[in-house]
Amino acid sequence: MKKQFLYLTGSLLMSMLVACQCPTTETKQEPSSIAGMNLPFEMPEIQVPTFKADTFNIVDFGAVPNDHSLSTVAINSAIKKCSESGGGVVLVPAGLWITGPIYMQSNVNLHTANGAYIQFTADLNQYKLIDSFFEGLSEIRCESPIMGRDLENVAITGQGIFDGDGSKWRQIKKEKLTANQWKEFVNSGGVVVDDRKWYPSEASMIGNEHKDQLPKEWTLENMEPFKHYLRPVMVSFVNCKKLLLEGVTFQNSPAWNVNPLMCEHVTLRNLSIRNPWFSQNGDGLDLESCRIGVIENCSFDVGDDAICIKSGKDEDGRERGKPTELFVIKDCVVYHGHGGFVLGSEMSGGVRNLYAKNLTFIGTDCGLRFKSTRGRGGVVENIWMEDIRMSNIPTEAIRFNLFYAGKSPSEDPITGDLIIESAPVSEETPAFRNMYFKNIYCDGAKQAVKIVGIPEMPVENIQFEDMLIKADKGIGINYASKIGFKNVALHLDEGGVAATLSNSQDMTFDAFETTGAEQLFKIGGTTTKNVKLNMAGYTLNEKDVEVLPAIKDEVHLLN
């Protein structure tokens, strides 16, 4: 009798705690914070979703916390009932909740209480194969842990944590782990290849190492034996309008973490997006072919690129024809990632009219990263970046590369830059132009700036103003046009050349200052034209500038 009394008391106590977590008034979200900003392009008002006060607690639908039983049915039943009833809030109270895929629906705010930990199941058979998207292409993939398609007025909010249990999906490279970490993965099961790669399953190994064993034409049926290879993004919203993600933590994703695709009026704020630093394809945010929105006050600590702007890959992206446009990205911090802020390489639908302000990158492999390659097509233009701070960058603080993964057999005799053979311009030719960088600070990088275009479509009209960069190496430019540096201070730790310029036209260095350089400029490339040099507080002479003799008349010392 005493045990029964204690049980009833505990149940009553839990009911009281759950009741305290339920909203009692209409859940109105904060409006966008960009209304007063002086943006360099006309920005439509961002529509933020609102919801009825009605609250649907997942406990009332059978969810049990801190248990090994799945709450999949309970969570999705609550979401469905909420949407069918005209919308409102689906509450996930504090507790550990194990679940399979969550299917979001229109007019639903999935609200997580402080202490709510939503752990997606390690039983990968819970995730069906579907026609989906991955890395810019239409593909068969497993269902995402969180997914929504063709929705309107939808949100995930609160202070809870969503964990995708990505280690059950991802391959691991031995070189990225400590000896003890590698031993733990090997002892956990899975498949080891050449004592250098670990795969969580045979299917995952075959899909990555022996693609010739996969069916030539994929169907939902014939790919079923290989489904564990088909890792999904963790948070997938496709063709949704008025989407809000706020306050929660998304971590440990199977592949990319958060991937809004072809969405409009997107608000992402106060998010924590996390992945292990060694996670393969462990991007943080991949904003793809979306229009109108804001990303603000978010933190990233991930295994691949952190804040990524994309718009589809190659022919698929060009046929989709939906650029990512009209976004403000501000007040964010990246603690780890391959790139802090990244455009591409899947940008075949175009990217335009973006404004990024007040971003901090701490130890990211690259700071500002812009990448594409022949075959992508697409135009990236009208990008403004202001008040960017970086420290301890192992490669370049700022990198442009339109020859991504390309190889060239020859180098310029003066600068050492690649000599790239020209190709015909077509719909497959990528174009990057009209970008503006102001108030950029970097305390430590391997190289300050590197720009590599392609001869048939040089990187065009890139303006840098008010920058201070401390780096081992200086600036390198190859196949670019209309590049300007104004009030730029460059401090080199390892001597070398402050700036190497090759195969580029209309380049201006105005009030350019450098310390630590053994030589100021090396200029080569048979197509280089119209280079204007003006050092701050220093009178240039010919010994400061090494120039290929054939283009000597194209270099002008202005002071």
Protein backbone atom coordinates (compact mmCIF):
# COMPACT_ATOMS: atom_id res chain seq x y z
CA MET A 1 0.00 0.00 0.00
CA LYS A 2 2.88 2.35 0.78
CA LYS A 3 4.45 1.74 -2.64
CA GLN A 4 1.17 2.51 -4.39
CA PHE A 5 0.84 5.78 -2.46
CA LEU A 6 4.35 6.83 -3.46
CA TYR A 7 3.64 5.97 -7.09
CA LEU A 8 0.48 8.06 -7.15
CA THR A 9 2.26 10.95 -5.47
CA GLY A 10 5.05 10.84 -8.05
CA SER A 11 2.57 10.79 -10.92
CA LEU A 12 0.69 13.73 -9.45
CA LEU A 13 3.94 15.65 -8.99
CA MET A 14 4.95 15.06 -12.61
CA SER A 15 1.53 16.21 -13.82
CA MET A 16 1.92 19.40 -11.81
CA LEU A 17 5.40 20.04 -13.25
CA VAL A 18 4.16 19.44 -16.78
CA ALA A 19 1.23 21.77 -16.23
CA CYS A 20 3.58 24.53 -15.11
CA GLN A 21 5.43 24.29 -18.41
CA CYS A 22 2.36 24.85 -20.58
CA PRO A 23 1.87 28.29 -22.16
CA THR A 24 -1.31 29.97 -20.93
CA THR A 25 -1.51 32.86 -23.41
CA GLU A 26 -1.27 33.18 -27.16
CA THR A 27 2.30 32.50 -28.29
CA LYS A 28 3.33 35.57 -30.23
CA GLN A 29 6.87 35.45 -31.54
CA GLU A 30 9.15 38.46 -31.50
CA PRO A 31 9.22 40.38 -34.79
CA SER A 32 12.35 40.54 -36.90
CA SER A 33 15.12 42.72 -35.49
CA ILE A 34 16.31 44.08 -38.85
CA ALA A 35 13.55 46.65 -39.34
CA GLY A 36 15.80 49.57 -38.36
CA MET A 37 18.91 48.45 -40.22
CA ASN A 38 20.26 50.49 -43.11
CA LEU A 39 20.66 47.69 -45.63
CA PRO A 40 22.33 48.08 -49.04
CA PHE A 41 19.35 46.52 -50.81
CA GLU A 42 15.58 46.72 -50.50
CA MET A 43 14.49 44.13 -47.98
CA PRO A 44 10.88 42.94 -47.67
CA GLU A 45 9.40 42.65 -44.19
CA ILE A 46 10.11 39.19 -42.79
CA GLN A 47 6.92 37.37 -41.85
CA VAL A 48 7.31 35.61 -38.50
CA PRO A 49 4.81 32.86 -37.59
CA THR A 50 2.22 33.24 -34.82
CA PHE A 51 0.26 30.49 -33.08
CA LYS A 52 -2.90 29.93 -31.11
CA ALA A 53 -2.54 29.49 -27.35
CA ASP A 54 -3.91 25.93 -27.43
CA THR A 55 -1.32 23.55 -26.00
CA PHE A 56 -0.97 19.83 -26.69
CA ASN A 57 1.32 18.05 -24.26
CA ILE A 58 3.03 14.95 -25.67
CA VAL A 59 2.55 13.21 -22.30
CA ASP A 60 -1.19 13.31 -22.86
CA PHE A 61 -0.65 11.37 -26.08
CA GLY A 62 1.32 8.59 -24.42
CA ALA A 63 4.92 9.82 -24.44
CA VAL A 64 6.96 8.42 -21.54
CA PRO A 65 10.19 10.18 -20.47
CA ASN A 66 13.43 8.56 -19.37
CA ASP A 67 12.40 5.25 -20.87
CA HIS A 68 13.65 3.04 -23.69
CA SER A 69 10.26 2.97 -25.40
CA LEU A 70 9.84 5.22 -28.45
CA SER A 71 7.72 8.36 -28.21
CA THR A 72 7.46 8.65 -32.00
CA VAL A 73 3.73 7.95 -32.19
CA ALA A 74 2.90 10.21 -29.26
CA ILE A 75 4.88 13.19 -30.57
CA ASN A 76 3.53 12.92 -34.10
CA SER A 77 -0.03 12.34 -32.87
CA ALA A 78 0.18 15.53 -30.81
CA ILE A 79 1.52 17.46 -33.82
CA LYS A 80 -1.22 16.10 -36.08
CA LYS A 81 -4.00 16.84 -33.57
CA CYS A 82 -2.64 20.34 -33.01
CA SER A 83 -2.58 21.12 -36.74
CA GLU A 84 -6.01 19.62 -37.39
CA SER A 85 -7.44 21.68 -34.52
CA GLY A 86 -6.34 24.94 -36.09
CA GLY A 87 -2.81 25.05 -34.72
CA GLY A 88 -1.11 25.91 -31.47
CA VAL A 89 1.74 24.63 -29.33
CA VAL A 90 2.98 21.07 -28.95
CA LEU A 91 4.84 20.93 -25.66
CA VAL A 92 7.81 18.66 -24.99
CA PRO A 93 8.34 18.83 -21.19
CA ALA A 94 11.64 18.33 -19.40
CA GLY A 95 12.88 14.76 -19.63
CA LEU A 96 14.68 12.34 -21.93
CA TRP A 97 12.51 11.42 -24.90
CA ILE A 98 13.53 8.71 -27.39
CA THR A 99 11.90 9.04 -30.77
CA GLY A 100 12.01 8.23 -34.44
CA PRO A 101 11.34 10.80 -37.19
CA ILE A 102 9.26 13.84 -36.25
CA TYR A 103 6.87 15.07 -38.96
CA MET A 104 6.12 18.77 -38.58
CA GLN A 105 2.81 20.22 -39.77
CA SER A 106 1.44 23.66 -40.54
CA ASN A 107 0.46 26.06 -37.74
CA VAL A 108 2.38 24.07 -35.13
CA ASN A 109 5.01 25.38 -32.72
CA LEU A 110 6.96 22.43 -31.33
CA HIS A 111 8.02 24.00 -28.04
CA THR A 112 10.67 22.36 -25.87
CA ALA A 113 10.93 23.11 -22.17
CA ASN A 114 14.25 23.72 -20.43
CA GLY A 115 15.51 20.22 -19.67
CA ALA A 116 13.85 18.56 -22.65
CA TYR A 117 16.33 16.23 -24.35
CA ILE A 118 15.01 14.67 -27.56
CA GLN A 119 17.23 11.73 -28.53
CA PHE A 120 16.61 10.27 -31.99
CA THR A 121 16.69 6.51 -32.00
CA ALA A 122 19.75 4.52 -33.01
CA ASP A 123 17.42 2.01 -34.72
CA LEU A 124 18.01 3.25 -38.26
CA ASN A 125 15.22 1.04 -39.58
CA GLN A 126 12.81 3.59 -38.13
CA TYR A 127 13.83 5.97 -40.94
CA LYS A 128 12.17 5.03 -44.24
CA LEU A 129 13.68 5.66 -47.64
CA ILE A 130 12.04 8.57 -49.44
CA ASP A 131 12.57 10.77 -52.48
CA SER A 132 14.51 13.62 -50.94
CA PHE A 133 17.49 15.93 -51.42
CA PHE A 134 21.17 15.80 -50.50
CA GLU A 135 24.06 18.17 -51.21
CA GLY A 136 22.12 20.12 -53.81
CA LEU A 137 20.70 17.16 -55.74
CA SER A 138 17.37 15.32 -55.82
CA GLU A 139 18.16 11.92 -54.38
CA ILE A 140 16.76 8.99 -52.47
CA ARG A 141 17.72 9.34 -48.81
CA CYS A 142 16.54 8.15 -45.44
CA GLU A 143 13.95 10.27 -43.68
CA SER A 144 15.34 13.14 -41.67
CA PRO A 145 14.96 13.05 -37.87
CA ILE A 146 12.95 16.30 -38.19
CA MET A 147 11.16 17.02 -41.44
CA GLY A 148 8.46 19.19 -42.94
CA ARG A 149 7.34 19.76 -46.54
CA ASP A 150 4.97 22.27 -48.10
CA LEU A 151 4.11 23.80 -44.73
CA GLU A 152 3.19 27.30 -43.60
CA ASN A 153 3.46 28.93 -40.20
CA VAL A 154 5.68 26.41 -38.42
CA ALA A 155 8.24 26.64 -35.62
CA ILE A 156 10.55 24.76 -33.28
CA THR A 157 11.27 26.83 -30.17
CA GLY A 158 12.29 26.67 -26.53
CA GLN A 159 15.40 25.55 -24.69
CA GLY A 160 15.48 21.85 -25.48
CA ILE A 161 18.15 19.73 -27.17
CA PHE A 162 17.64 17.61 -30.29
CA ASP A 163 20.32 14.93 -30.72
CA GLY A 164 20.56 13.08 -34.06
CA ASP A 165 22.86 10.30 -32.78
CA GLY A 166 25.02 10.88 -35.83
CA SER A 167 27.73 8.39 -34.90
CA LYS A 168 25.32 5.59 -35.88
CA TRP A 169 25.28 7.01 -39.43
CA ARG A 170 28.65 8.61 -40.16
CA GLN A 171 31.94 7.14 -41.29
CA ILE A 172 35.02 8.16 -39.33
CA LYS A 173 38.62 8.74 -40.41
CA LYS A 174 41.23 7.41 -38.00
CA GLU A 175 43.47 10.45 -38.55
CA LYS A 176 40.87 12.68 -36.93
CA LEU A 177 40.65 10.74 -33.67
CA THR A 178 42.82 10.06 -30.68
CA ALA A 179 44.00 6.48 -30.20
CA ASN A 180 41.40 5.86 -27.48
CA GLN A 181 38.58 7.33 -29.57
CA TRP A 182 39.53 5.16 -32.54
CA LYS A 183 39.65 2.09 -30.30
CA GLU A 184 36.15 2.84 -28.97
CA PHE A 185 34.69 3.05 -32.47
CA VAL A 186 36.40 -0.17 -33.58
CA ASN A 187 35.22 -2.02 -30.46
CA SER A 188 31.64 -0.81 -30.96
CA GLY A 189 31.23 -2.94 -34.09
CA GLY A 190 30.89 -1.71 -37.64
CA VAL A 191 33.42 -2.23 -40.43
CA VAL A 192 37.06 -1.10 -40.52
CA VAL A 193 38.79 -0.49 -43.86
CA ASP A 194 42.61 -0.57 -44.07
CA ASP A 195 42.88 0.43 -40.41
CA ARG A 196 42.11 4.02 -41.43
CA LYS A 197 38.33 4.30 -41.87
CA TRP A 198 35.48 3.09 -39.71
CA TYR A 199 31.95 2.58 -41.00
CA PRO A 200 28.96 1.95 -38.75
CA SER A 201 27.61 -0.83 -41.03
CA GLU A 202 28.39 -2.96 -44.07
CA ALA A 203 25.89 -0.96 -46.14
CA SER A 204 27.59 2.29 -45.19
CA MET A 205 30.97 0.87 -46.18
CA ILE A 206 29.75 -0.42 -49.56
CA GLY A 207 28.09 2.90 -50.42
CA ASN A 208 31.29 4.81 -49.76
CA GLU A 209 34.03 2.38 -50.78
CA HIS A 210 32.39 0.22 -53.50
CA LYS A 211 29.85 2.36 -55.32
CA ASP A 212 30.01 -0.05 -58.27
CA GLN A 213 28.09 -2.53 -56.12
CA LEU A 214 25.13 -0.15 -55.84
CA PRO A 215 22.27 -0.36 -58.36
CA LYS A 216 22.89 1.74 -61.47
CA GLU A 217 19.43 3.29 -61.24
CA TRP A 218 18.23 3.81 -57.70
CA THR A 219 14.71 3.02 -56.58
CA LEU A 220 13.15 2.96 -53.11
CA GLU A 221 13.07 -0.82 -53.35
CA ASN A 222 16.52 -1.68 -54.67
CA MET A 223 18.29 0.75 -52.33
CA GLU A 224 16.70 -0.72 -49.21
CA PRO A 225 19.70 -3.02 -48.50
CA PHE A 226 21.97 0.04 -48.62
CA LYS A 227 19.80 2.49 -46.71
CA HIS A 228 22.30 3.01 -43.91
CA TYR A 229 24.61 4.58 -46.49
CA LEU A 230 21.96 7.18 -47.37
CA ARG A 231 22.47 9.57 -44.50
CA PRO A 232 19.87 12.33 -44.17
CA VAL A 233 20.21 15.90 -43.05
CA MET A 234 18.96 16.25 -39.49
CA VAL A 235 16.50 19.15 -39.79
CA SER A 236 14.86 19.29 -43.21
CA PHE A 237 12.24 21.88 -44.15
CA VAL A 238 11.36 21.90 -47.85
CA ASN A 239 9.15 24.47 -49.58
CA CYS A 240 7.86 25.99 -46.35
CA LYS A 241 6.73 29.55 -45.67
CA LYS A 242 7.03 31.42 -42.37
CA LEU A 243 9.52 29.14 -40.65
CA LEU A 244 10.94 29.89 -37.20
CA LEU A 245 13.70 27.99 -35.38
CA GLU A 246 14.54 29.65 -32.07
CA GLY A 247 16.41 28.94 -28.86
CA VAL A 248 16.98 25.20 -29.18
CA THR A 249 20.12 23.12 -29.68
CA PHE A 250 20.51 20.88 -32.73
CA GLN A 251 23.44 18.52 -32.38
CA ASN A 252 25.11 15.35 -33.62
CA SER A 253 23.47 15.20 -37.04
CA PRO A 254 23.76 12.23 -39.46
CA ALA A 255 24.94 14.59 -42.25
CA TRP A 256 24.19 18.32 -42.60
CA ASN A 257 22.56 19.66 -39.46
CA VAL A 258 19.93 22.30 -40.39
CA ASN A 259 18.85 22.55 -44.05
CA PRO A 260 15.98 24.88 -45.03
CA LEU A 261 15.41 24.27 -48.75
CA MET A 262 13.24 26.40 -51.07
CA CYS A 263 11.68 28.16 -48.06
CA GLU A 264 10.44 31.76 -47.73
CA HIS A 265 10.38 34.04 -44.69
CA VAL A 266 12.89 32.14 -42.58
CA THR A 267 13.87 33.27 -39.07
CA LEU A 268 16.67 31.43 -37.28
CA ARG A 269 17.75 32.96 -33.98
CA ASN A 270 19.41 32.07 -30.69
CA LEU A 271 20.23 28.59 -31.92
CA SER A 272 23.12 26.40 -30.84
CA ILE A 273 24.20 24.12 -33.69
CA ARG A 274 26.79 21.52 -32.75
CA ASN A 275 28.57 18.54 -34.27
CA PRO A 276 31.77 16.69 -33.40
CA TRP A 277 34.71 18.38 -35.10
CA PHE A 278 35.53 15.16 -36.95
CA SER A 279 32.01 14.61 -38.33
CA GLN A 280 31.97 13.87 -42.07
CA ASN A 281 29.66 16.29 -43.92
CA GLY A 282 28.83 17.71 -40.51
CA ASP A 283 27.82 21.17 -41.75
CA GLY A 284 26.03 23.49 -39.35
CA LEU A 285 23.49 25.47 -41.37
CA ASP A 286 22.94 24.99 -45.10
CA LEU A 287 20.53 27.66 -46.31
CA GLU A 288 19.58 26.48 -49.79
CA SER A 289 17.46 28.23 -52.45
CA CYS A 290 15.62 30.26 -49.80
CA ARG A 291 14.17 33.80 -49.95
CA ILE A 292 13.77 36.50 -47.32
CA GLY A 293 14.98 35.94 -43.81
CA VAL A 294 17.39 36.52 -40.97
CA ILE A 295 19.97 34.40 -39.12
CA GLU A 296 20.94 36.02 -35.83
CA ASN A 297 22.52 35.34 -32.45
CA CYS A 298 23.38 31.75 -33.33
CA SER A 299 26.45 29.78 -32.28
CA PHE A 300 28.12 27.03 -34.32
CA ASP A 301 30.66 24.38 -33.38
CA VAL A 302 30.68 21.82 -36.19
CA GLY A 303 32.71 19.35 -38.24
CA ASP A 304 32.42 20.97 -41.68
CA ASP A 305 31.33 24.37 -42.99
CA ALA A 306 29.37 26.36 -40.39
CA ILE A 307 27.14 29.03 -42.01
CA CYS A 308 26.66 27.84 -45.60
CA ILE A 309 24.75 29.54 -48.40
CA LYS A 310 23.77 27.26 -51.28
CA SER A 311 21.27 26.95 -54.17
CA GLY A 312 21.57 23.51 -55.73
CA LYS A 313 24.21 21.64 -57.66
CA ASP A 314 25.01 21.66 -61.38
CA GLU A 315 22.08 20.92 -63.72
CA ASP A 316 19.66 20.17 -60.86
CA GLY A 317 20.32 23.58 -59.33
CA ARG A 318 20.10 25.43 -62.64
CA GLU A 319 16.80 23.75 -63.51
CA ARG A 320 15.41 24.55 -60.06
CA GLY A 321 16.38 28.16 -60.72
CA LYS A 322 15.84 29.38 -57.16
CA PRO A 323 18.59 31.63 -55.81
CA THR A 324 19.19 32.20 -52.14
CA GLU A 325 18.47 35.90 -51.72
CA LEU A 326 17.42 38.69 -49.38
CA PHE A 327 18.99 37.48 -46.14
CA VAL A 328 20.66 39.17 -43.19
CA ILE A 329 23.17 37.14 -41.17
CA LYS A 330 24.28 38.87 -37.99
CA ASP A 331 25.63 38.51 -34.46
CA CYS A 332 26.80 34.90 -34.82
CA VAL A 333 29.83 33.03 -33.45
CA VAL A 334 31.59 30.04 -35.00
CA TYR A 335 33.87 28.08 -32.67
CA HIS A 336 34.93 25.40 -35.11
CA GLY A 337 34.26 24.55 -38.76
CA HIS A 338 35.92 24.18 -42.13
CA GLY A 339 34.66 27.64 -43.01
CA GLY A 340 33.07 30.30 -40.81
CA PHE A 341 30.86 31.82 -43.53
CA VAL A 342 30.71 29.93 -46.82
CA LEU A 343 29.14 30.50 -50.23
CA GLY A 344 29.02 27.37 -52.43
CA SER A 345 30.18 25.20 -53.81
CA GLU A 346 26.62 24.10 -54.62
CA MET A 347 25.36 27.50 -55.82
CA SER A 348 24.07 26.68 -59.32
CA GLY A 349 20.77 28.51 -58.77
CA GLY A 350 22.57 31.72 -57.79
CA VAL A 351 23.04 33.75 -54.62
CA ARG A 352 22.35 37.49 -54.32
CA ASN A 353 21.54 40.32 -51.95
CA LEU A 354 23.03 39.08 -48.70
CA TYR A 355 24.26 41.22 -45.82
CA ALA A 356 26.42 39.75 -43.06
CA LYS A 357 27.43 41.77 -39.99
CA ASN A 358 29.10 41.16 -36.64
CA LEU A 359 30.37 37.62 -37.11
CA THR A 360 33.15 36.01 -35.06
CA PHE A 361 35.21 32.99 -36.14
CA ILE A 362 37.52 31.29 -33.64
CA GLY A 363 39.86 28.71 -35.11
CA THR A 364 37.79 27.85 -38.17
CA ASP A 365 39.87 26.21 -40.93
CA CYS A 366 39.05 29.14 -43.22
CA GLY A 367 37.30 32.39 -42.35
CA LEU A 368 35.25 33.71 -45.28
CA ARG A 369 35.10 31.03 -47.95
CA PHE A 370 33.67 31.39 -51.48
CA LYS A 371 33.92 28.35 -53.73
CA SER A 372 32.68 26.93 -57.02
CA THR A 373 33.95 25.12 -60.07
CA ARG A 374 33.31 24.69 -63.76
CA GLY A 375 30.09 22.79 -64.31
CA ARG A 376 28.21 24.53 -61.51
CA GLY A 377 27.02 27.62 -63.37
CA GLY A 378 25.08 30.20 -61.34
CA VAL A 379 25.80 33.81 -60.40
CA VAL A 380 26.85 34.99 -56.94
CA GLU A 381 26.52 38.77 -56.64
CA ASN A 382 25.70 41.70 -54.39
CA ILE A 383 27.16 40.41 -51.12
CA TRP A 384 28.08 42.75 -48.27
CA MET A 385 30.15 41.68 -45.25
CA GLU A 386 30.92 44.05 -42.39
CA ASP A 387 32.44 43.85 -38.91
CA ILE A 388 33.95 40.37 -39.17
CA ARG A 389 36.45 39.17 -36.56
CA MET A 390 38.64 36.07 -36.79
CA SER A 391 41.46 34.48 -34.85
CA ASN A 392 43.74 31.46 -35.28
CA ILE A 393 42.73 30.58 -38.86
CA PRO A 394 44.84 27.62 -40.13
CA THR A 395 44.44 28.51 -43.84
CA GLU A 396 43.15 31.73 -45.45
CA ALA A 397 41.23 34.46 -43.67
CA ILE A 398 39.43 35.14 -46.97
CA ARG A 399 39.40 32.69 -49.86
CA PHE A 400 37.81 32.75 -53.32
CA ASN A 401 38.22 29.64 -55.43
CA LEU A 402 36.36 29.12 -58.70
CA PHE A 403 38.81 26.37 -59.63
CA TYR A 404 37.66 24.20 -56.70
CA ALA A 405 39.27 20.74 -56.92
CA GLY A 406 40.82 21.68 -60.29
CA LYS A 407 44.43 20.96 -61.24
CA SER A 408 46.87 22.77 -63.51
CA PRO A 409 50.21 21.48 -64.77
CA SER A 410 51.98 24.87 -64.99
CA GLU A 411 52.73 27.93 -62.88
CA ASP A 412 53.44 31.60 -63.50
CA PRO A 413 57.23 32.21 -63.53
CA ILE A 414 56.98 35.34 -61.35
CA THR A 415 54.17 34.67 -58.89
CA GLY A 416 54.04 30.88 -58.88
CA ASP A 417 50.27 31.00 -59.42
CA LEU A 418 48.49 28.37 -61.48
CA ILE A 419 48.20 28.96 -65.21
CA ILE A 420 44.68 27.80 -66.07
CA GLU A 421 43.62 27.09 -69.63
CA SER A 422 40.58 29.09 -70.72
CA ALA A 423 37.29 27.31 -71.50
CA PRO A 424 34.20 28.48 -73.42
CA VAL A 425 31.61 30.42 -71.39
CA SER A 426 28.33 28.52 -71.03
CA GLU A 427 25.50 28.00 -68.56
CA GLU A 428 27.97 25.81 -66.64
CA THR A 429 30.35 28.73 -66.01
CA PRO A 430 30.13 30.10 -62.43
CA ALA A 431 30.34 33.85 -61.82
CA PHE A 432 31.26 35.67 -58.59
CA ARG A 433 31.01 39.47 -58.62
CA ASN A 434 30.10 42.63 -56.75
CA MET A 435 31.13 41.86 -53.18
CA TYR A 436 32.07 44.34 -50.49
CA PHE A 437 34.09 43.73 -47.33
CA LYS A 438 34.47 46.36 -44.61
CA ASN A 439 35.93 46.32 -41.10
CA ILE A 440 37.54 42.91 -41.30
CA TYR A 441 39.97 41.90 -38.54
CA CYS A 442 42.02 38.72 -38.30
CA ASP A 443 44.51 37.89 -35.55
CA GLY A 444 46.43 35.05 -37.10
CA ALA A 445 45.98 33.14 -40.38
CA LYS A 446 48.18 31.10 -42.69
CA GLN A 447 47.36 33.52 -45.52
CA ALA A 448 45.49 36.80 -45.53
CA VAL A 449 43.57 36.69 -48.83
CA LYS A 450 43.60 34.25 -51.73
CA ILE A 451 41.56 34.78 -54.90
CA VAL A 452 41.58 32.18 -57.67
CA GLY A 453 39.17 32.76 -60.54
CA ILE A 454 39.03 31.20 -63.98
CA PRO A 455 40.24 32.98 -67.14
CA GLU A 456 36.89 32.90 -68.93
CA MET A 457 35.07 34.35 -65.88
CA PRO A 458 37.39 36.19 -63.49
CA VAL A 459 36.22 37.02 -59.99
CA GLU A 460 34.99 40.59 -60.54
CA ASN A 461 34.53 43.75 -58.49
CA ILE A 462 35.60 42.69 -55.03
CA GLN A 463 36.25 45.65 -52.72
CA PHE A 464 38.10 45.45 -49.39
CA GLU A 465 38.08 48.45 -47.05
CA ASP A 466 39.34 49.05 -43.51
CA MET A 467 40.97 45.69 -42.87
CA LEU A 468 43.69 44.59 -40.47
CA ILE A 469 45.06 41.09 -40.95
CA LYS A 470 47.94 39.36 -39.20
CA ALA A 471 49.05 36.31 -41.19
CA ASP A 472 52.03 34.19 -42.21
CA LYS A 473 51.56 34.95 -45.92
CA GLY A 474 50.09 37.92 -47.73
CA ILE A 475 47.61 38.39 -50.56
CA GLY A 476 47.45 36.22 -53.69
CA ILE A 477 45.27 37.08 -56.68
CA ASN A 478 44.96 35.08 -59.89
CA TYR A 479 42.32 35.58 -62.63
CA ALA A 480 40.40 38.49 -61.16
CA SER A 481 39.15 41.90 -62.27
CA LYS A 482 38.34 45.19 -60.54
CA ILE A 483 39.81 44.26 -57.16
CA GLY A 484 40.33 47.10 -54.69
CA PHE A 485 42.09 47.38 -51.33
CA LYS A 486 41.57 50.62 -49.37
CA ASN A 487 42.97 51.31 -45.92
CA VAL A 488 44.24 47.78 -45.52
CA ALA A 489 46.99 46.91 -43.01
CA LEU A 490 48.78 43.62 -43.43
CA HIS A 491 51.23 42.26 -40.85
CA LEU A 492 53.25 39.24 -41.94
CA ASP A 493 54.95 36.87 -39.50
CA GLU A 494 57.07 34.92 -41.95
CA GLY A 495 58.27 37.60 -44.33
CA GLY A 496 57.71 36.77 -47.98
CA VAL A 497 55.69 38.86 -50.40
CA ALA A 498 52.88 41.17 -49.31
CA ALA A 499 50.88 40.67 -52.53
CA THR A 500 51.29 38.49 -55.62
CA LEU A 501 49.13 39.47 -58.58
CA SER A 502 48.71 37.45 -61.75
CA ASN A 503 46.47 37.35 -64.83
CA SER A 504 44.23 40.09 -63.41
CA GLN A 505 43.03 43.51 -64.47
CA ASP A 506 42.13 46.83 -62.85
CA MET A 507 43.59 46.22 -59.41
CA THR A 508 44.02 49.08 -56.95
CA PHE A 509 45.90 49.21 -53.66
CA ASP A 510 45.05 52.55 -52.01
CA ALA A 511 46.58 53.43 -48.63
CA PHE A 512 47.94 49.92 -48.33
CA GLU A 513 50.19 49.27 -45.33
CA THR A 514 52.33 46.27 -44.53
CA THR A 515 54.95 45.20 -42.00
CA GLY A 516 57.17 42.13 -41.97
CA ALA A 517 57.23 41.61 -45.73
CA GLU A 518 60.55 40.89 -47.45
CA GLN A 519 59.10 42.13 -50.74
CA LEU A 520 56.01 44.23 -51.40
CA PHE A 521 54.66 43.11 -54.78
CA LYS A 522 55.27 40.39 -57.35
CA ILE A 523 53.25 40.86 -60.53
CA GLY A 524 53.06 38.37 -63.39
CA GLY A 525 50.63 36.82 -65.84
CA THR A 526 50.50 37.68 -69.51
CA THR A 527 46.96 39.14 -69.21
CA THR A 528 47.64 41.45 -66.25
CA LYS A 529 46.62 45.07 -66.92
CA ASN A 530 46.19 48.35 -65.09
CA VAL A 531 47.62 47.81 -61.61
CA LYS A 532 47.71 50.89 -59.34
CA LEU A 533 49.79 50.80 -56.16
CA ASN A 534 49.72 53.35 -53.35
CA MET A 535 51.41 52.51 -50.06
CA ALA A 536 50.41 54.32 -46.87
CA GLY A 537 53.29 56.47 -45.59
CA TYR A 538 55.84 54.92 -47.92
CA THR A 539 57.08 55.90 -51.35
CA LEU A 540 57.23 52.91 -53.64
CA ASN A 541 60.08 52.46 -56.06
CA GLU A 542 60.80 49.87 -58.71
CA LYS A 543 62.91 47.66 -56.43
CA ASP A 544 59.84 47.11 -54.23
CA VAL A 545 57.92 45.68 -57.16
CA GLU A 546 58.99 42.65 -59.21
CA VAL A 547 57.13 42.69 -62.53
CA LEU A 548 57.12 40.40 -65.54
CA PRO A 549 58.91 42.53 -68.19
CA ALA A 550 56.14 42.12 -70.76
CA ILE A 551 53.60 43.90 -68.53
CA LYS A 552 55.85 46.48 -66.85
CA ASP A 553 53.97 49.41 -68.39
CA GLU A 554 50.70 48.19 -66.82
CA VAL A 555 51.94 48.82 -63.26
CA HIS A 556 51.53 52.37 -61.92
CA LEU A 557 53.19 53.62 -58.73
CA LEU A 558 50.84 56.35 -57.48
CA ASN A 559 52.89 57.87 -54.65
